[in-house]
Amino acid sequence: LEAAARLGDEGVAARVVSLPSLELFREQPASYRAEVLPPDVPRLAIEAASPLGWHEWVGDGDVIGLERFGASAPGGTVMEKLGFTAANVVERARMLLGQLTPRPAD
């Protein structure tokens, strides 16, 4: 929500959607799914677990998810290290919108 607010401050109309069950979402009519996740807008999914399954719904968009195993530290530190921060979400959204180019990998 903080990332959406920051994007809004920059004039980007970001919409936050919660999909607690991809299975139930998949069972909905195509018209409903397209209303919730319009195929003609950039989509960025954030999943604090495996991103498996999200690429079906973001199309050419992006997914921030847990791509590795084994981090050990206080929760906030781990979340920051794995990219689950408002700053990272804003940066990835800007990349989707073509406002930034990807940073080289560390």
PDB file of N, CA and C in Angstrom:
ATOM      1  N   LEU A   1       0.818  -1.190   0.000  1.00  0.00           N
ATOM      2  CA  LEU A   1       0.000   0.000   0.000  1.00  0.00           C
ATOM      3  C   LEU A   1       0.865   1.258   0.000  1.00  0.00           C
ATOM      4  N   GLU A   2       1.984   1.178   0.707  1.00  0.00           N
ATOM      5  CA  GLU A   2       2.883   2.334   0.730  1.00  0.00           C
ATOM      6  C   GLU A   2       3.445   2.605  -0.665  1.00  0.00           C
ATOM      7  N   ALA A   3       3.789   1.557  -1.391  1.00  0.00           N
ATOM      8  CA  ALA A   3       4.317   1.734  -2.751  1.00  0.00           C
ATOM      9  C   ALA A   3       3.263   2.360  -3.653  1.00  0.00           C
ATOM     10  N   ALA A   4       2.016   1.923  -3.536  1.00  0.00           N
ATOM     11  CA  ALA A   4       0.937   2.501  -4.352  1.00  0.00           C
ATOM     12  C   ALA A   4       0.769   3.982  -4.034  1.00  0.00           C
ATOM     13  N   ALA A   5       0.874   4.334  -2.758  1.00  0.00           N
ATOM     14  CA  ALA A   5       0.762   5.746  -2.369  1.00  0.00           C
ATOM     15  C   ALA A   5       1.914   6.559  -2.951  1.00  0.00           C
ATOM     16  N   ARG A   6       3.120   6.013  -2.901  1.00  0.00           N
ATOM     17  CA  ARG A   6       4.279   6.720  -3.469  1.00  0.00           C
ATOM     18  C   ARG A   6       4.104   6.910  -4.975  1.00  0.00           C
ATOM     19  N   LEU A   7       3.654   5.861  -5.656  1.00  0.00           N
ATOM     20  CA  LEU A   7       3.429   5.975  -7.099  1.00  0.00           C
ATOM     21  C   LEU A   7       2.353   7.014  -7.385  1.00  0.00           C
ATOM     22  N   GLY A   8       1.305   7.031  -6.569  1.00  0.00           N
ATOM     23  CA  GLY A   8       0.250   8.032  -6.729  1.00  0.00           C
ATOM     24  C   GLY A   8       0.785   9.445  -6.588  1.00  0.00           C
ATOM     25  N   ASP A   9       1.702   9.637  -5.649  1.00  0.00           N
ATOM     26  CA  ASP A   9       2.330  10.951  -5.468  1.00  0.00           C
ATOM     27  C   ASP A   9       3.111  11.375  -6.707  1.00  0.00           C
ATOM     28  N   GLU A  10       3.547  10.383  -7.500  1.00  0.00           N
ATOM     29  CA  GLU A  10       4.293  10.655  -8.733  1.00  0.00           C
ATOM     30  C   GLU A  10       3.375  10.729  -9.953  1.00  0.00           C
ATOM     31  N   GLY A  11       2.064  10.629  -9.720  1.00  0.00           N
ATOM     32  CA  GLY A  11       1.116  10.704 -10.825  1.00  0.00           C
ATOM     33  C   GLY A  11       0.819   9.385 -11.498  1.00  0.00           C
ATOM     34  N   VAL A  12       1.255   8.289 -10.901  1.00  0.00           N
ATOM     35  CA  VAL A  12       0.994   6.957 -11.447  1.00  0.00           C
ATOM     36  C   VAL A  12      -0.220   6.379 -10.733  1.00  0.00           C
ATOM     37  N   ALA A  13      -1.252   6.056 -11.488  1.00  0.00           N
ATOM     38  CA  ALA A  13      -2.462   5.471 -10.909  1.00  0.00           C
ATOM     39  C   ALA A  13      -2.232   3.978 -10.697  1.00  0.00           C
ATOM     40  N   ALA A  14      -1.848   3.617  -9.487  1.00  0.00           N
ATOM     41  CA  ALA A  14      -1.601   2.218  -9.150  1.00  0.00           C
ATOM     42  C   ALA A  14      -2.806   1.657  -8.416  1.00  0.00           C
ATOM     43  N   ARG A  15      -3.143   0.442  -8.738  1.00  0.00           N
ATOM     44  CA  ARG A  15      -4.274  -0.227  -8.098  1.00  0.00           C
ATOM     45  C   ARG A  15      -3.750  -1.434  -7.343  1.00  0.00           C
ATOM     46  N   VAL A  16      -4.198  -1.627  -6.118  1.00  0.00           N
ATOM     47  CA  VAL A  16      -3.787  -2.761  -5.301  1.00  0.00           C
ATOM     48  C   VAL A  16      -4.928  -3.768  -5.277  1.00  0.00           C
ATOM     49  N   VAL A  17      -4.597  -5.013  -5.608  1.00  0.00           N
ATOM     50  CA  VAL A  17      -5.580  -6.090  -5.637  1.00  0.00           C
ATOM     51  C   VAL A  17      -5.053  -7.223  -4.768  1.00  0.00           C
ATOM     52  N   SER A  18      -5.898  -7.774  -3.924  1.00  0.00           N
ATOM     53  CA  SER A  18      -5.521  -8.921  -3.105  1.00  0.00           C
ATOM     54  C   SER A  18      -6.134 -10.182  -3.707  1.00  0.00           C
ATOM     55  N   LEU A  19      -5.277 -11.159  -3.996  1.00  0.00           N
ATOM     56  CA  LEU A  19      -5.754 -12.445  -4.523  1.00  0.00           C
ATOM     57  C   LEU A  19      -5.276 -13.549  -3.588  1.00  0.00           C
ATOM     58  N   PRO A  20      -6.008 -13.816  -2.522  1.00  0.00           N
ATOM     59  CA  PRO A  20      -5.556 -14.824  -1.564  1.00  0.00           C
ATOM     60  C   PRO A  20      -5.609 -16.250  -2.104  1.00  0.00           C
ATOM     61  N   SER A  21      -6.383 -16.488  -3.161  1.00  0.00           N
ATOM     62  CA  SER A  21      -6.469 -17.828  -3.741  1.00  0.00           C
ATOM     63  C   SER A  21      -6.446 -17.740  -5.260  1.00  0.00           C
ATOM     64  N   LEU A  22      -5.323 -18.136  -5.846  1.00  0.00           N
ATOM     65  CA  LEU A  22      -5.234 -18.144  -7.306  1.00  0.00           C
ATOM     66  C   LEU A  22      -6.188 -19.172  -7.900  1.00  0.00           C
ATOM     67  N   GLU A  23      -6.417 -20.268  -7.179  1.00  0.00           N
ATOM     68  CA  GLU A  23      -7.355 -21.292  -7.668  1.00  0.00           C
ATOM     69  C   GLU A  23      -8.765 -20.734  -7.790  1.00  0.00           C
ATOM     70  N   LEU A  24      -9.250 -20.053  -6.765  1.00  0.00           N
ATOM     71  CA  LEU A  24     -10.593 -19.473  -6.821  1.00  0.00           C
ATOM     72  C   LEU A  24     -10.678 -18.386  -7.883  1.00  0.00           C
ATOM     73  N   PHE A  25      -9.621 -17.605  -8.031  1.00  0.00           N
ATOM     74  CA  PHE A  25      -9.605 -16.563  -9.051  1.00  0.00           C
ATOM     75  C   PHE A  25      -9.696 -17.193 -10.437  1.00  0.00           C
ATOM     76  N   ARG A  26      -8.972 -18.281 -10.650  1.00  0.00           N
ATOM     77  CA  ARG A  26      -8.980 -18.979 -11.935  1.00  0.00           C
ATOM     78  C   ARG A  26     -10.388 -19.487 -12.278  1.00  0.00           C
ATOM     79  N   GLU A  27     -11.183 -19.812 -11.286  1.00  0.00           N
ATOM     80  CA  GLU A  27     -12.533 -20.338 -11.503  1.00  0.00           C
ATOM     81  C   GLU A  27     -13.548 -19.254 -11.854  1.00  0.00           C
ATOM     82  N   GLN A  28     -13.176 -17.998 -11.706  1.00  0.00           N
ATOM     83  CA  GLN A  28     -14.099 -16.895 -11.993  1.00  0.00           C
ATOM     84  C   GLN A  28     -14.235 -16.702 -13.503  1.00  0.00           C
ATOM     85  N   PRO A  29     -15.338 -16.089 -13.938  1.00  0.00           N
ATOM     86  CA  PRO A  29     -15.510 -15.816 -15.371  1.00  0.00           C
ATOM     87  C   PRO A  29     -14.370 -14.938 -15.900  1.00  0.00           C
ATOM     88  N   ALA A  30     -14.014 -15.152 -17.152  1.00  0.00           N
ATOM     89  CA  ALA A  30     -12.932 -14.387 -17.780  1.00  0.00           C
ATOM     90  C   ALA A  30     -13.194 -12.887 -17.698  1.00  0.00           C
ATOM     91  N   SER A  31     -14.458 -12.489 -17.821  1.00  0.00           N
ATOM     92  CA  SER A  31     -14.779 -11.059 -17.769  1.00  0.00           C
ATOM     93  C   SER A  31     -14.429 -10.472 -16.399  1.00  0.00           C
ATOM     94  N   TYR A  32     -14.691 -11.218 -15.344  1.00  0.00           N
ATOM     95  CA  TYR A  32     -14.353 -10.759 -13.997  1.00  0.00           C
ATOM     96  C   TYR A  32     -12.838 -10.682 -13.826  1.00  0.00           C
ATOM     97  N   ARG A  33     -12.134 -11.725 -14.269  1.00  0.00           N
ATOM     98  CA  ARG A  33     -10.675 -11.734 -14.146  1.00  0.00           C
ATOM     99  C   ARG A  33     -10.060 -10.551 -14.888  1.00  0.00           C
ATOM    100  N   ALA A  34     -10.600 -10.242 -16.072  1.00  0.00           N
ATOM    101  CA  ALA A  34     -10.080  -9.111 -16.857  1.00  0.00           C
ATOM    102  C   ALA A  34     -10.402  -7.776 -16.194  1.00  0.00           C
ATOM    103  N   GLU A  35     -11.506  -7.723 -15.465  1.00  0.00           N
ATOM    104  CA  GLU A  35     -11.853  -6.492 -14.749  1.00  0.00           C
ATOM    105  C   GLU A  35     -10.910  -6.273 -13.566  1.00  0.00           C
ATOM    106  N   VAL A  36     -10.578  -7.356 -12.874  1.00  0.00           N
ATOM    107  CA  VAL A  36      -9.695  -7.262 -11.712  1.00  0.00           C
ATOM    108  C   VAL A  36      -8.247  -7.024 -12.139  1.00  0.00           C
ATOM    109  N   LEU A  37      -7.793  -7.773 -13.140  1.00  0.00           N
ATOM    110  CA  LEU A  37      -6.422  -7.649 -13.650  1.00  0.00           C
ATOM    111  C   LEU A  37      -6.477  -7.374 -15.148  1.00  0.00           C
ATOM    112  N   PRO A  38      -6.726  -6.128 -15.536  1.00  0.00           N
ATOM    113  CA  PRO A  38      -6.851  -5.811 -16.958  1.00  0.00           C
ATOM    114  C   PRO A  38      -5.597  -6.222 -17.735  1.00  0.00           C
ATOM    115  N   PRO A  39      -5.787  -6.942 -18.834  1.00  0.00           N
ATOM    116  CA  PRO A  39      -4.623  -7.427 -19.587  1.00  0.00           C
ATOM    117  C   PRO A  39      -3.862  -6.330 -20.322  1.00  0.00           C
ATOM    118  N   ASP A  40      -4.451  -5.154 -20.452  1.00  0.00           N
ATOM    119  CA  ASP A  40      -3.809  -4.088 -21.226  1.00  0.00           C
ATOM    120  C   ASP A  40      -3.057  -3.071 -20.365  1.00  0.00           C
ATOM    121  N   VAL A  41      -2.835  -3.392 -19.098  1.00  0.00           N
ATOM    122  CA  VAL A  41      -2.048  -2.511 -18.230  1.00  0.00           C
ATOM    123  C   VAL A  41      -0.896  -3.317 -17.626  1.00  0.00           C
ATOM    124  N   PRO A  42       0.219  -2.657 -17.319  1.00  0.00           N
ATOM    125  CA  PRO A  42       1.321  -3.369 -16.673  1.00  0.00           C
ATOM    126  C   PRO A  42       0.876  -3.905 -15.309  1.00  0.00           C
ATOM    127  N   ARG A  43       1.262  -5.139 -15.022  1.00  0.00           N
ATOM    128  CA  ARG A  43       0.872  -5.778 -13.756  1.00  0.00           C
ATOM    129  C   ARG A  43       2.113  -6.250 -13.010  1.00  0.00           C
ATOM    130  N   LEU A  44       2.130  -5.990 -11.721  1.00  0.00           N
ATOM    131  CA  LEU A  44       3.230  -6.378 -10.847  1.00  0.00           C
ATOM    132  C   LEU A  44       2.631  -7.125  -9.667  1.00  0.00           C
ATOM    133  N   ALA A  45       3.025  -8.380  -9.494  1.00  0.00           N
ATOM    134  CA  ALA A  45       2.546  -9.185  -8.368  1.00  0.00           C
ATOM    135  C   ALA A  45       3.619  -9.221  -7.293  1.00  0.00           C
ATOM    136  N   ILE A  46       3.178  -9.212  -6.050  1.00  0.00           N
ATOM    137  CA  ILE A  46       4.086  -9.293  -4.910  1.00  0.00           C
ATOM    138  C   ILE A  46       3.617 -10.463  -4.062  1.00  0.00           C
ATOM    139  N   GLU A  47       4.463 -11.463  -3.922  1.00  0.00           N
ATOM    140  CA  GLU A  47       4.118 -12.684  -3.193  1.00  0.00           C
ATOM    141  C   GLU A  47       5.239 -12.995  -2.220  1.00  0.00           C
ATOM    142  N   ALA A  48       4.945 -12.937  -0.924  1.00  0.00           N
ATOM    143  CA  ALA A  48       5.959 -13.200   0.098  1.00  0.00           C
ATOM    144  C   ALA A  48       6.148 -14.701   0.290  1.00  0.00           C
ATOM    145  N   ALA A  49       6.125 -15.411  -0.803  1.00  0.00           N
ATOM    146  CA  ALA A  49       6.352 -16.852  -0.862  1.00  0.00           C
ATOM    147  C   ALA A  49       6.795 -17.142  -2.297  1.00  0.00           C
ATOM    148  N   SER A  50       6.692 -18.378  -2.707  1.00  0.00           N
ATOM    149  CA  SER A  50       7.076 -18.724  -4.078  1.00  0.00           C
ATOM    150  C   SER A  50       6.182 -17.992  -5.074  1.00  0.00           C
ATOM    151  N   PRO A  51       6.773 -17.421  -6.112  1.00  0.00           N
ATOM    152  CA  PRO A  51       5.977 -16.721  -7.120  1.00  0.00           C
ATOM    153  C   PRO A  51       5.317 -17.664  -8.125  1.00  0.00           C
ATOM    154  N   LEU A  52       5.478 -18.961  -7.906  1.00  0.00           N
ATOM    155  CA  LEU A  52       4.917 -19.956  -8.814  1.00  0.00           C
ATOM    156  C   LEU A  52       3.426 -19.699  -9.041  1.00  0.00           C
ATOM    157  N   GLY A  53       3.033 -19.596 -10.285  1.00  0.00           N
ATOM    158  CA  GLY A  53       1.635 -19.385 -10.637  1.00  0.00           C
ATOM    159  C   GLY A  53       1.285 -17.954 -10.983  1.00  0.00           C
ATOM    160  N   TRP A  54       2.075 -17.006 -10.512  1.00  0.00           N
ATOM    161  CA  TRP A  54       1.740 -15.603 -10.744  1.00  0.00           C
ATOM    162  C   TRP A  54       1.968 -15.145 -12.173  1.00  0.00           C
ATOM    163  N   HIS A  55       2.920 -15.758 -12.875  1.00  0.00           N
ATOM    164  CA  HIS A  55       3.214 -15.309 -14.243  1.00  0.00           C
ATOM    165  C   HIS A  55       2.007 -15.489 -15.162  1.00  0.00           C
ATOM    166  N   GLU A  56       1.154 -16.428 -14.833  1.00  0.00           N
ATOM    167  CA  GLU A  56      -0.094 -16.608 -15.595  1.00  0.00           C
ATOM    168  C   GLU A  56      -0.946 -15.342 -15.547  1.00  0.00           C
ATOM    169  N   TRP A  57      -0.889 -14.624 -14.444  1.00  0.00           N
ATOM    170  CA  TRP A  57      -1.773 -13.473 -14.249  1.00  0.00           C
ATOM    171  C   TRP A  57      -1.118 -12.136 -14.549  1.00  0.00           C
ATOM    172  N   VAL A  58       0.200 -12.068 -14.552  1.00  0.00           N
ATOM    173  CA  VAL A  58       0.850 -10.791 -14.846  1.00  0.00           C
ATOM    174  C   VAL A  58       1.251 -10.665 -16.309  1.00  0.00           C
ATOM    175  N   GLY A  59       1.181 -11.746 -17.064  1.00  0.00           N
ATOM    176  CA  GLY A  59       1.540 -11.678 -18.479  1.00  0.00           C
ATOM    177  C   GLY A  59       2.960 -11.181 -18.663  1.00  0.00           C
ATOM    178  N   ASP A  60       3.112 -10.071 -19.373  1.00  0.00           N
ATOM    179  CA  ASP A  60       4.439  -9.489 -19.599  1.00  0.00           C
ATOM    180  C   ASP A  60       4.911  -8.663 -18.407  1.00  0.00           C
ATOM    181  N   GLY A  61       4.156  -8.691 -17.329  1.00  0.00           N
ATOM    182  CA  GLY A  61       4.513  -7.913 -16.148  1.00  0.00           C
ATOM    183  C   GLY A  61       5.647  -8.543 -15.366  1.00  0.00           C
ATOM    184  N   ASP A  62       5.639  -8.339 -14.070  1.00  0.00           N
ATOM    185  CA  ASP A  62       6.745  -8.770 -13.222  1.00  0.00           C
ATOM    186  C   ASP A  62       6.186  -9.345 -11.927  1.00  0.00           C
ATOM    187  N   VAL A  63       7.005 -10.158 -11.261  1.00  0.00           N
ATOM    188  CA  VAL A  63       6.623 -10.746  -9.980  1.00  0.00           C
ATOM    189  C   VAL A  63       7.782 -10.567  -9.006  1.00  0.00           C
ATOM    190  N   ILE A  64       7.479 -10.034  -7.857  1.00  0.00           N
ATOM    191  CA  ILE A  64       8.437  -9.998  -6.757  1.00  0.00           C
ATOM    192  C   ILE A  64       8.027 -11.134  -5.841  1.00  0.00           C
ATOM    193  N   GLY A  65       8.901 -12.112  -5.682  1.00  0.00           N
ATOM    194  CA  GLY A  65       8.564 -13.266  -4.865  1.00  0.00           C
ATOM    195  C   GLY A  65       9.809 -13.863  -4.238  1.00  0.00           C
ATOM    196  N   LEU A  66       9.594 -14.872  -3.450  1.00  0.00           N
ATOM    197  CA  LEU A  66      10.679 -15.550  -2.755  1.00  0.00           C
ATOM    198  C   LEU A  66      11.268 -16.590  -3.696  1.00  0.00           C
ATOM    199  N   GLU A  67      12.400 -16.247  -4.291  1.00  0.00           N
ATOM    200  CA  GLU A  67      13.036 -17.092  -5.300  1.00  0.00           C
ATOM    201  C   GLU A  67      14.144 -17.967  -4.724  1.00  0.00           C
ATOM    202  N   ARG A  68      14.380 -17.865  -3.435  1.00  0.00           N
ATOM    203  CA  ARG A  68      15.462 -18.645  -2.840  1.00  0.00           C
ATOM    204  C   ARG A  68      15.066 -19.099  -1.445  1.00  0.00           C
ATOM    205  N   PHE A  69      15.916 -19.873  -0.827  1.00  0.00           N
ATOM    206  CA  PHE A  69      15.647 -20.436   0.484  1.00  0.00           C
ATOM    207  C   PHE A  69      16.860 -20.212   1.373  1.00  0.00           C
ATOM    208  N   GLY A  70      16.644 -20.023   2.631  1.00  0.00           N
ATOM    209  CA  GLY A  70      17.745 -20.043   3.564  1.00  0.00           C
ATOM    210  C   GLY A  70      18.109 -18.737   4.245  1.00  0.00           C
ATOM    211  N   ALA A  71      17.336 -17.691   4.105  1.00  0.00           N
ATOM    212  CA  ALA A  71      17.654 -16.432   4.780  1.00  0.00           C
ATOM    213  C   ALA A  71      17.307 -16.539   6.258  1.00  0.00           C
ATOM    214  N   SER A  72      18.197 -16.046   7.090  1.00  0.00           N
ATOM    215  CA  SER A  72      17.963 -16.093   8.524  1.00  0.00           C
ATOM    216  C   SER A  72      18.389 -14.769   9.147  1.00  0.00           C
ATOM    217  N   ALA A  73      17.426 -14.074   9.706  1.00  0.00           N
ATOM    218  CA  ALA A  73      17.657 -12.787  10.365  1.00  0.00           C
ATOM    219  C   ALA A  73      16.308 -12.335  10.909  1.00  0.00           C
ATOM    220  N   PRO A  74      16.260 -11.223  11.619  1.00  0.00           N
ATOM    221  CA  PRO A  74      14.956 -10.694  12.026  1.00  0.00           C
ATOM    222  C   PRO A  74      14.075 -10.458  10.794  1.00  0.00           C
ATOM    223  N   GLY A  75      12.779 -10.629  10.962  1.00  0.00           N
ATOM    224  CA  GLY A  75      11.833 -10.555   9.845  1.00  0.00           C
ATOM    225  C   GLY A  75      11.992  -9.350   8.948  1.00  0.00           C
ATOM    226  N   GLY A  76      12.084  -8.168   9.533  1.00  0.00           N
ATOM    227  CA  GLY A  76      12.209  -6.955   8.727  1.00  0.00           C
ATOM    228  C   GLY A  76      13.475  -6.941   7.894  1.00  0.00           C
ATOM    229  N   THR A  77      14.551  -7.454   8.460  1.00  0.00           N
ATOM    230  CA  THR A  77      15.824  -7.513   7.741  1.00  0.00           C
ATOM    231  C   THR A  77      15.726  -8.463   6.559  1.00  0.00           C
ATOM    232  N   VAL A  78      15.114  -9.614   6.776  1.00  0.00           N
ATOM    233  CA  VAL A  78      14.952 -10.596   5.697  1.00  0.00           C
ATOM    234  C   VAL A  78      14.071 -10.024   4.597  1.00  0.00           C
ATOM    235  N   MET A  79      12.968  -9.409   4.971  1.00  0.00           N
ATOM    236  CA  MET A  79      12.065  -8.848   3.962  1.00  0.00           C
ATOM    237  C   MET A  79      12.784  -7.798   3.118  1.00  0.00           C
ATOM    238  N   GLU A  80      13.579  -6.957   3.758  1.00  0.00           N
ATOM    239  CA  GLU A  80      14.327  -5.936   3.023  1.00  0.00           C
ATOM    240  C   GLU A  80      15.355  -6.582   2.099  1.00  0.00           C
ATOM    241  N   LYS A  81      16.090  -7.557   2.612  1.00  0.00           N
ATOM    242  CA  LYS A  81      17.124  -8.235   1.818  1.00  0.00           C
ATOM    243  C   LYS A  81      16.523  -8.917   0.592  1.00  0.00           C
ATOM    244  N   LEU A  82      15.305  -9.422   0.712  1.00  0.00           N
ATOM    245  CA  LEU A  82      14.656 -10.137  -0.387  1.00  0.00           C
ATOM    246  C   LEU A  82      13.876  -9.217  -1.321  1.00  0.00           C
ATOM    247  N   GLY A  83      13.875  -7.916  -1.046  1.00  0.00           N
ATOM    248  CA  GLY A  83      13.243  -6.971  -1.962  1.00  0.00           C
ATOM    249  C   GLY A  83      11.801  -6.633  -1.666  1.00  0.00           C
ATOM    250  N   PHE A  84      11.310  -7.031  -0.508  1.00  0.00           N
ATOM    251  CA  PHE A  84       9.926  -6.732  -0.145  1.00  0.00           C
ATOM    252  C   PHE A  84       9.857  -5.389   0.584  1.00  0.00           C
ATOM    253  N   THR A  85      10.199  -4.327  -0.147  1.00  0.00           N
ATOM    254  CA  THR A  85      10.155  -2.975   0.401  1.00  0.00           C
ATOM    255  C   THR A  85       9.366  -2.088  -0.552  1.00  0.00           C
ATOM    256  N   ALA A  86       8.818  -1.021  -0.013  1.00  0.00           N
ATOM    257  CA  ALA A  86       8.081  -0.083  -0.865  1.00  0.00           C
ATOM    258  C   ALA A  86       9.000   0.487  -1.938  1.00  0.00           C
ATOM    259  N   ALA A  87      10.242   0.790  -1.578  1.00  0.00           N
ATOM    260  CA  ALA A  87      11.179   1.360  -2.552  1.00  0.00           C
ATOM    261  C   ALA A  87      11.420   0.400  -3.711  1.00  0.00           C
ATOM    262  N   ASN A  88      11.589  -0.886  -3.425  1.00  0.00           N
ATOM    263  CA  ASN A  88      11.816  -1.862  -4.494  1.00  0.00           C
ATOM    264  C   ASN A  88      10.568  -2.041  -5.351  1.00  0.00           C
ATOM    265  N   VAL A  89       9.408  -2.065  -4.727  1.00  0.00           N
ATOM    266  CA  VAL A  89       8.163  -2.201  -5.488  1.00  0.00           C
ATOM    267  C   VAL A  89       7.991  -1.005  -6.425  1.00  0.00           C
ATOM    268  N   VAL A  90       8.258   0.191  -5.929  1.00  0.00           N
ATOM    269  CA  VAL A  90       8.161   1.393  -6.770  1.00  0.00           C
ATOM    270  C   VAL A  90       9.149   1.302  -7.928  1.00  0.00           C
ATOM    271  N   GLU A  91      10.367   0.880  -7.648  1.00  0.00           N
ATOM    272  CA  GLU A  91      11.376   0.769  -8.704  1.00  0.00           C
ATOM    273  C   GLU A  91      10.947  -0.245  -9.769  1.00  0.00           C
ATOM    274  N   ARG A  92      10.456  -1.392  -9.350  1.00  0.00           N
ATOM    275  CA  ARG A  92      10.029  -2.418 -10.311  1.00  0.00           C
ATOM    276  C   ARG A  92       8.824  -1.933 -11.112  1.00  0.00           C
ATOM    277  N   ALA A  93       7.926  -1.195 -10.469  1.00  0.00           N
ATOM    278  CA  ALA A  93       6.775  -0.638 -11.188  1.00  0.00           C
ATOM    279  C   ALA A  93       7.243   0.365 -12.235  1.00  0.00           C
ATOM    280  N   ARG A  94       8.184   1.207 -11.868  1.00  0.00           N
ATOM    281  CA  ARG A  94       8.725   2.177 -12.830  1.00  0.00           C
ATOM    282  C   ARG A  94       9.377   1.475 -14.013  1.00  0.00           C
ATOM    283  N   MET A  95      10.089   0.376 -13.747  1.00  0.00           N
ATOM    284  CA  MET A  95      10.699  -0.379 -14.847  1.00  0.00           C
ATOM    285  C   MET A  95       9.615  -0.906 -15.789  1.00  0.00           C
ATOM    286  N   LEU A  96       8.527  -1.412 -15.223  1.00  0.00           N
ATOM    287  CA  LEU A  96       7.421  -1.904 -16.048  1.00  0.00           C
ATOM    288  C   LEU A  96       6.838  -0.797 -16.912  1.00  0.00           C
ATOM    289  N   LEU A  97       6.805   0.387 -16.366  1.00  0.00           N
ATOM    290  CA  LEU A  97       6.250   1.527 -17.092  1.00  0.00           C
ATOM    291  C   LEU A  97       7.257   2.148 -18.055  1.00  0.00           C
ATOM    292  N   GLY A  98       8.462   1.598 -18.090  1.00  0.00           N
ATOM    293  CA  GLY A  98       9.482   2.114 -18.991  1.00  0.00           C
ATOM    294  C   GLY A  98      10.149   3.378 -18.508  1.00  0.00           C
ATOM    295  N   GLN A  99       9.991   3.677 -17.221  1.00  0.00           N
ATOM    296  CA  GLN A  99      10.583   4.896 -16.675  1.00  0.00           C
ATOM    297  C   GLN A  99      11.995   4.675 -16.153  1.00  0.00           C
ATOM    298  N   LEU A 100      12.387   3.418 -15.995  1.00  0.00           N
ATOM    299  CA  LEU A 100      13.724   3.086 -15.509  1.00  0.00           C
ATOM    300  C   LEU A 100      14.259   1.911 -16.305  1.00  0.00           C
ATOM    301  N   THR A 101      15.555   1.776 -16.331  1.00  0.00           N
ATOM    302  CA  THR A 101      16.156   0.579 -16.901  1.00  0.00           C
ATOM    303  C   THR A 101      16.626  -0.293 -15.753  1.00  0.00           C
ATOM    304  N   PRO A 102      16.627  -1.605 -15.929  1.00  0.00           N
ATOM    305  CA  PRO A 102      17.036  -2.496 -14.832  1.00  0.00           C
ATOM    306  C   PRO A 102      18.460  -2.215 -14.368  1.00  0.00           C
ATOM    307  N   ARG A 103      18.655  -2.342 -13.061  1.00  0.00           N
ATOM    308  CA  ARG A 103      20.001  -2.214 -12.500  1.00  0.00           C
ATOM    309  C   ARG A 103      20.769  -3.496 -12.771  1.00  0.00           C
ATOM    310  N   PRO A 104      22.085  -3.401 -12.944  1.00  0.00           N
ATOM    311  CA  PRO A 104      22.875  -4.630 -13.085  1.00  0.00           C
ATOM    312  C   PRO A 104      22.783  -5.445 -11.804  1.00  0.00           C
ATOM    313  N   ALA A 105      22.838  -6.767 -11.931  1.00  0.00           N
ATOM    314  CA  ALA A 105      22.786  -7.642 -10.755  1.00  0.00           C
ATOM    315  C   ALA A 105      24.023  -7.414  -9.901  1.00  0.00           C
ATOM    316  N   ASP A 106      23.836  -7.511  -8.584  1.00  0.00           N
ATOM    317  CA  ASP A 106      24.969  -7.324  -7.657  1.00  0.00           C
ATOM    318  C   ASP A 106      25.945  -8.471  -7.760  1.00  0.00           C
TER     319      ASP A 106
END
